[in-house]
Amino acid sequence: MAKILVTGGAGYIGSVLVPLLLRENHEVTVVDNFMFRQASLLDCCANPRFQVVRGDVRNAKLMEKLVKDADYLFPLACLTGAPLCSKDPCTARGVIVDSVKELLKMRGRHQRIIYPTTNSGYGIGQTGIACDEKTPLNPISLYGRLKVEAEKMILDSGESITFRLATAFGVSPRMRLDLLVNDFVYRAVFDGFVVLFEADFIRNYIHVRDVAKAFLHGMNSFEKMKGETYNVGLSDCNLSKRQLCEAIKKHVPHFAITASEVGKDPDQRNYIVSNEKIEKSGFRPDVSLDAGIQELLKCYRIIKRTQYANV
């Protein structure tokens, strides 16, 4: 049993990870500002090993009190995604970089950090060549640049693991519709069509439950894995947007797919990713893209609103 502090623990990943940690008998404290007015951790409140603090990770006095008792620090607090960071760059830097810098000053040598970054840091890859953890980083968006900066600080500080996450998908108690798979399935269900910009740009994908599983794997194998970064994604899911839509169309046959020559993605990511390193450490994802699409189709019988997005 460990004491774990999760910043941003009521977010898309945190609201899946925190209940999992509690089921594993860990003590979990969450600090979150609940900026999206989410109620994603209500099911945890009856657990005596769960504590929650409404607050901002940029509040140094608050964080000093919370950090001192933790065995593990999971800094999930983030303005996630290129559009949100571009909309408010000062807050993005404050939350993603400055708060991590302060966290590293506060923590003791015995305290371990597991940090989720993004493989969008690879930017634009080389055709036919998979990006591994030794591939030079070339982030295009502000979001990618800030996450790369924070990752370097954390790895340089020691006693840490970082996960370069593929694009997450799947149902979470703090649902997001702006993530690519979630968005495209939503469009298939409610619009019946999608217009693709840069339809053949490729990226990798991972289910949010497997992201949570990776954190547990990191805890259980910390001594073996520490000091390193690991790509975390589905090795059979380096797919273009067009291929992703075709996978969705198998479940929603009326889904119409059109490619446009006009328009650009905010972060311009286009790469294939190797997940061999974390697989060699013993980690294997559980949830396939196909299973995730079927799960989302059920979700969208419940959700019909567009408030679930980081925009």
Foldseek 3Di string as FASTA:
>chain_A
DFEEEEEVLQAQLNLLQVVVVVVVVYQYEYEYQCPLVAPSCVVVVVPPSYHYHNDALLPLVVVLVVQARGQEYEYPFALDDQVLCVVPVVVRLSRLPVSLVSSLVRHDPRHAYEYEAAPLQQQEDDPPDADFQPRDGDWQGSSSVSSVNSVVVRLVSWRYEYEHEWQEFFDGSLFACPGLLSVLLLCCVPVLEDEDEPQFFWTFYAYSNLVSVVVVLCVVCVVVRISYYFYDGALVGRGGNNVSNVLLCVVRVSYYYHYDDDDDDSTNHGHHHDRVVVVVSPRDGDDDSNNRSVNSVVVVVPDDDNSSHSD
